[in-house]
């Protein structure tokens, strides 16, 4: 196995792990009862922070 193939595989595995960890957090955040409003950078990433 070449070093390039190893690094690509490592990056893909780390990306998959990050997605598995982040998905439940995103789902819980989206299903909370209160309205986040435009100040929530997670829900509205394109709006500037105040």
PDB file of N, CA and C in Angstrom:
ATOM      1  N   UNK A   1       0.855  -1.180   0.000  1.00  0.00           N
ATOM      2  CA  UNK A   1       0.000   0.000   0.000  1.00  0.00           C
ATOM      3  C   UNK A   1       0.896   1.236   0.000  1.00  0.00           C
ATOM      4  N   UNK A   2       0.569   2.166  -0.865  1.00  0.00           N
ATOM      5  CA  UNK A   2       1.379   3.379  -0.938  1.00  0.00           C
ATOM      6  C   UNK A   2       0.996   4.342   0.184  1.00  0.00           C
ATOM      7  N   UNK A   3       1.856   5.279   0.411  1.00  0.00           N
ATOM      8  CA  UNK A   3       1.617   6.279   1.453  1.00  0.00           C
ATOM      9  C   UNK A   3       0.406   7.133   1.085  1.00  0.00           C
ATOM     10  N   UNK A   4       0.249   7.454  -0.179  1.00  0.00           N
ATOM     11  CA  UNK A   4      -0.882   8.265  -0.626  1.00  0.00           C
ATOM     12  C   UNK A   4      -2.206   7.554  -0.365  1.00  0.00           C
ATOM     13  N   UNK A   5      -2.274   6.286  -0.688  1.00  0.00           N
ATOM     14  CA  UNK A   5      -3.493   5.516  -0.457  1.00  0.00           C
ATOM     15  C   UNK A   5      -3.788   5.425   1.038  1.00  0.00           C
ATOM     16  N   UNK A   6      -2.769   5.253   1.838  1.00  0.00           N
ATOM     17  CA  UNK A   6      -2.945   5.192   3.287  1.00  0.00           C
ATOM     18  C   UNK A   6      -3.496   6.509   3.820  1.00  0.00           C
ATOM     19  N   UNK A   7      -2.944   7.634   3.380  1.00  0.00           N
ATOM     20  CA  UNK A   7      -3.396   8.937   3.859  1.00  0.00           C
ATOM     21  C   UNK A   7      -4.823   9.235   3.409  1.00  0.00           C
ATOM     22  N   UNK A   8      -5.168   8.872   2.186  1.00  0.00           N
ATOM     23  CA  UNK A   8      -6.530   9.070   1.713  1.00  0.00           C
ATOM     24  C   UNK A   8      -7.500   8.233   2.535  1.00  0.00           C
ATOM     25  N   UNK A   9      -7.153   7.002   2.792  1.00  0.00           N
ATOM     26  CA  UNK A   9      -7.993   6.138   3.618  1.00  0.00           C
ATOM     27  C   UNK A   9      -8.141   6.673   5.032  1.00  0.00           C
ATOM     28  N   UNK A  10      -7.064   7.172   5.590  1.00  0.00           N
ATOM     29  CA  UNK A  10      -7.090   7.733   6.941  1.00  0.00           C
ATOM     30  C   UNK A  10      -7.995   8.960   7.002  1.00  0.00           C
ATOM     31  N   UNK A  11      -7.903   9.823   6.008  1.00  0.00           N
ATOM     32  CA  UNK A  11      -8.749  11.010   5.967  1.00  0.00           C
ATOM     33  C   UNK A  11     -10.223  10.606   5.845  1.00  0.00           C
ATOM     34  N   UNK A  12     -10.522   9.622   5.022  1.00  0.00           N
ATOM     35  CA  UNK A  12     -11.902   9.175   4.858  1.00  0.00           C
ATOM     36  C   UNK A  12     -12.455   8.566   6.143  1.00  0.00           C
ATOM     37  N   UNK A  13     -11.638   7.803   6.838  1.00  0.00           N
ATOM     38  CA  UNK A  13     -12.070   7.207   8.111  1.00  0.00           C
ATOM     39  C   UNK A  13     -12.324   8.298   9.151  1.00  0.00           C
ATOM     40  N   UNK A  14     -11.443   9.276   9.230  1.00  0.00           N
ATOM     41  CA  UNK A  14     -11.630  10.364  10.189  1.00  0.00           C
ATOM     42  C   UNK A  14     -12.865  11.196   9.848  1.00  0.00           C
ATOM     43  N   UNK A  15     -13.110  11.411   8.580  1.00  0.00           N
ATOM     44  CA  UNK A  15     -14.306  12.133   8.153  1.00  0.00           C
ATOM     45  C   UNK A  15     -15.569  11.355   8.504  1.00  0.00           C
ATOM     46  N   UNK A  16     -15.544  10.051   8.308  1.00  0.00           N
ATOM     47  CA  UNK A  16     -16.700   9.220   8.649  1.00  0.00           C
ATOM     48  C   UNK A  16     -16.966   9.245  10.156  1.00  0.00           C
ATOM     49  N   UNK A  17     -15.923   9.190  10.956  1.00  0.00           N
ATOM     50  CA  UNK A  17     -16.079   9.240  12.411  1.00  0.00           C
ATOM     51  C   UNK A  17     -16.654  10.594  12.834  1.00  0.00           C
ATOM     52  N   UNK A  18     -16.173  11.673  12.225  1.00  0.00           N
ATOM     53  CA  UNK A  18     -16.689  13.006  12.550  1.00  0.00           C
ATOM     54  C   UNK A  18     -18.165  13.115  12.194  1.00  0.00           C
ATOM     55  N   UNK A  19     -18.569  12.543  11.075  1.00  0.00           N
ATOM     56  CA  UNK A  19     -19.979  12.578  10.669  1.00  0.00           C
ATOM     57  C   UNK A  19     -20.844  11.777  11.630  1.00  0.00           C
ATOM     58  N   UNK A  20     -20.364  10.625  12.061  1.00  0.00           N
ATOM     59  CA  UNK A  20     -21.132   9.794  12.994  1.00  0.00           C
ATOM     60  C   UNK A  20     -21.293  10.496  14.337  1.00  0.00           C
ATOM     61  N   UNK A  21     -20.284  11.226  14.761  1.00  0.00           N
ATOM     62  CA  UNK A  21     -20.371  11.947  16.037  1.00  0.00           C
ATOM     63  C   UNK A  21     -21.255  13.184  15.905  1.00  0.00           C
ATOM     64  N   UNK A  22     -21.167  13.895  14.793  1.00  0.00           N
ATOM     65  CA  UNK A  22     -21.890  15.158  14.633  1.00  0.00           C
ATOM     66  C   UNK A  22     -23.378  14.975  14.337  1.00  0.00           C
ATOM     67  N   UNK A  23     -23.758  13.896  13.685  1.00  0.00           N
ATOM     68  CA  UNK A  23     -25.152  13.721  13.272  1.00  0.00           C
ATOM     69  C   UNK A  23     -26.138  13.754  14.443  1.00  0.00           C
ATOM     70  N   UNK A  24     -25.924  13.006  15.520  1.00  0.00           N
ATOM     71  CA  UNK A  24     -26.882  13.090  16.637  1.00  0.00           C
ATOM     72  C   UNK A  24     -26.957  14.488  17.246  1.00  0.00           C
ATOM     73  N   UNK A  25     -25.830  15.188  17.290  1.00  0.00           N
ATOM     74  CA  UNK A  25     -25.839  16.540  17.838  1.00  0.00           C
ATOM     75  C   UNK A  25     -26.666  17.475  16.967  1.00  0.00           C
ATOM     76  N   UNK A  26     -26.544  17.343  15.658  1.00  0.00           N
ATOM     77  CA  UNK A  26     -27.324  18.173  14.742  1.00  0.00           C
ATOM     78  C   UNK A  26     -28.816  17.866  14.843  1.00  0.00           C
ATOM     79  N   UNK A  27     -29.164  16.597  14.969  1.00  0.00           N
ATOM     80  CA  UNK A  27     -30.570  16.214  15.067  1.00  0.00           C
ATOM     81  C   UNK A  27     -31.168  16.744  16.364  1.00  0.00           C
ATOM     82  N   UNK A  28     -30.472  16.603  17.461  1.00  0.00           N
ATOM     83  CA  UNK A  28     -30.975  17.093  18.749  1.00  0.00           C
ATOM     84  C   UNK A  28     -31.111  18.610  18.715  1.00  0.00           C
ATOM     85  N   UNK A  29     -30.151  19.293  18.138  1.00  0.00           N
ATOM     86  CA  UNK A  29     -30.204  20.750  18.074  1.00  0.00           C
ATOM     87  C   UNK A  29     -31.391  21.218  17.239  1.00  0.00           C
ATOM     88  N   UNK A  30     -31.666  20.533  16.147  1.00  0.00           N
ATOM     89  CA  UNK A  30     -32.757  20.931  15.259  1.00  0.00           C
ATOM     90  C   UNK A  30     -34.126  20.646  15.868  1.00  0.00           C
ATOM     91  N   UNK A  31     -34.216  19.712  16.810  1.00  0.00           N
ATOM     92  CA  UNK A  31     -35.515  19.314  17.364  1.00  0.00           C
ATOM     93  C   UNK A  31     -35.809  19.932  18.725  1.00  0.00           C
ATOM     94  N   UNK A  32     -35.031  20.906  19.136  1.00  0.00           N
ATOM     95  CA  UNK A  32     -35.322  21.539  20.422  1.00  0.00           C
ATOM     96  C   UNK A  32     -36.599  22.352  20.314  1.00  0.00           C
ATOM     97  N   UNK A  33     -37.253  22.564  21.440  1.00  0.00           N
ATOM     98  CA  UNK A  33     -38.571  23.199  21.477  1.00  0.00           C
ATOM     99  C   UNK A  33     -38.521  24.700  21.175  1.00  0.00           C
ATOM    100  N   UNK A  34     -37.531  25.400  21.699  1.00  0.00           N
ATOM    101  CA  UNK A  34     -37.518  26.857  21.554  1.00  0.00           C
ATOM    102  C   UNK A  34     -36.983  27.281  20.186  1.00  0.00           C
ATOM    103  N   UNK A  35     -37.395  28.464  19.762  1.00  0.00           N
ATOM    104  CA  UNK A  35     -36.934  29.014  18.498  1.00  0.00           C
ATOM    105  C   UNK A  35     -35.554  29.624  18.703  1.00  0.00           C
ATOM    106  N   UNK A  36     -34.621  29.234  17.872  1.00  0.00           N
ATOM    107  CA  UNK A  36     -33.254  29.716  18.028  1.00  0.00           C
ATOM    108  C   UNK A  36     -33.094  31.155  17.545  1.00  0.00           C
ATOM    109  N   UNK A  37     -33.850  31.537  16.556  1.00  0.00           N
ATOM    110  CA  UNK A  37     -33.749  32.889  16.018  1.00  0.00           C
ATOM    111  C   UNK A  37     -32.525  33.056  15.139  1.00  0.00           C
ATOM    112  N   UNK A  38     -32.336  34.248  14.610  1.00  0.00           N
ATOM    113  CA  UNK A  38     -31.218  34.474  13.691  1.00  0.00           C
ATOM    114  C   UNK A  38     -29.857  34.517  14.378  1.00  0.00           C
ATOM    115  N   UNK A  39     -29.812  34.522  15.704  1.00  0.00           N
ATOM    116  CA  UNK A  39     -28.527  34.540  16.404  1.00  0.00           C
ATOM    117  C   UNK A  39     -27.859  33.174  16.457  1.00  0.00           C
ATOM    118  N   UNK A  40     -28.581  32.123  16.096  1.00  0.00           N
ATOM    119  CA  UNK A  40     -28.008  30.778  16.136  1.00  0.00           C
ATOM    120  C   UNK A  40     -27.124  30.572  14.913  1.00  0.00           C
ATOM    121  N   UNK A  41     -25.812  30.581  15.118  1.00  0.00           N
ATOM    122  CA  UNK A  41     -24.876  30.445  13.993  1.00  0.00           C
ATOM    123  C   UNK A  41     -24.959  29.056  13.377  1.00  0.00           C
ATOM    124  N   UNK A  42     -25.418  28.070  14.153  1.00  0.00           N
ATOM    125  CA  UNK A  42     -25.511  26.713  13.650  1.00  0.00           C
ATOM    126  C   UNK A  42     -26.671  26.585  12.657  1.00  0.00           C
ATOM    127  N   UNK A  43     -27.798  27.208  13.002  1.00  0.00           N
ATOM    128  CA  UNK A  43     -28.972  27.153  12.126  1.00  0.00           C
ATOM    129  C   UNK A  43     -28.873  28.151  10.976  1.00  0.00           C
ATOM    130  N   UNK A  44     -28.210  29.259  11.214  1.00  0.00           N
ATOM    131  CA  UNK A  44     -28.100  30.331  10.215  1.00  0.00           C
ATOM    132  C   UNK A  44     -26.623  30.674  10.018  1.00  0.00           C
ATOM    133  N   UNK A  45     -25.833  29.816   9.399  1.00  0.00           N
ATOM    134  CA  UNK A  45     -24.392  30.039   9.330  1.00  0.00           C
ATOM    135  C   UNK A  45     -23.996  31.210   8.449  1.00  0.00           C
ATOM    136  N   UNK A  46     -24.880  31.651   7.542  1.00  0.00           N
ATOM    137  CA  UNK A  46     -24.506  32.731   6.628  1.00  0.00           C
ATOM    138  C   UNK A  46     -24.729  34.110   7.209  1.00  0.00           C
ATOM    139  N   UNK A  47     -25.477  34.196   8.293  1.00  0.00           N
ATOM    140  CA  UNK A  47     -25.698  35.496   8.914  1.00  0.00           C
ATOM    141  C   UNK A  47     -24.485  35.861   9.775  1.00  0.00           C
ATOM    142  N   UNK A  48     -24.177  37.131   9.814  1.00  0.00           N
ATOM    143  CA  UNK A  48     -23.037  37.582  10.629  1.00  0.00           C
ATOM    144  C   UNK A  48     -23.393  37.508  12.105  1.00  0.00           C
ATOM    145  N   UNK A  49     -22.392  37.179  12.912  1.00  0.00           N
ATOM    146  CA  UNK A  49     -22.597  37.167  14.366  1.00  0.00           C
ATOM    147  C   UNK A  49     -22.677  38.580  14.875  1.00  0.00           C
ATOM    148  N   UNK A  50     -23.424  38.762  15.949  1.00  0.00           N
ATOM    149  CA  UNK A  50     -23.559  40.106  16.533  1.00  0.00           C
ATOM    150  C   UNK A  50     -22.560  40.310  17.619  1.00  0.00           C
TER     151      UNK A  50
END
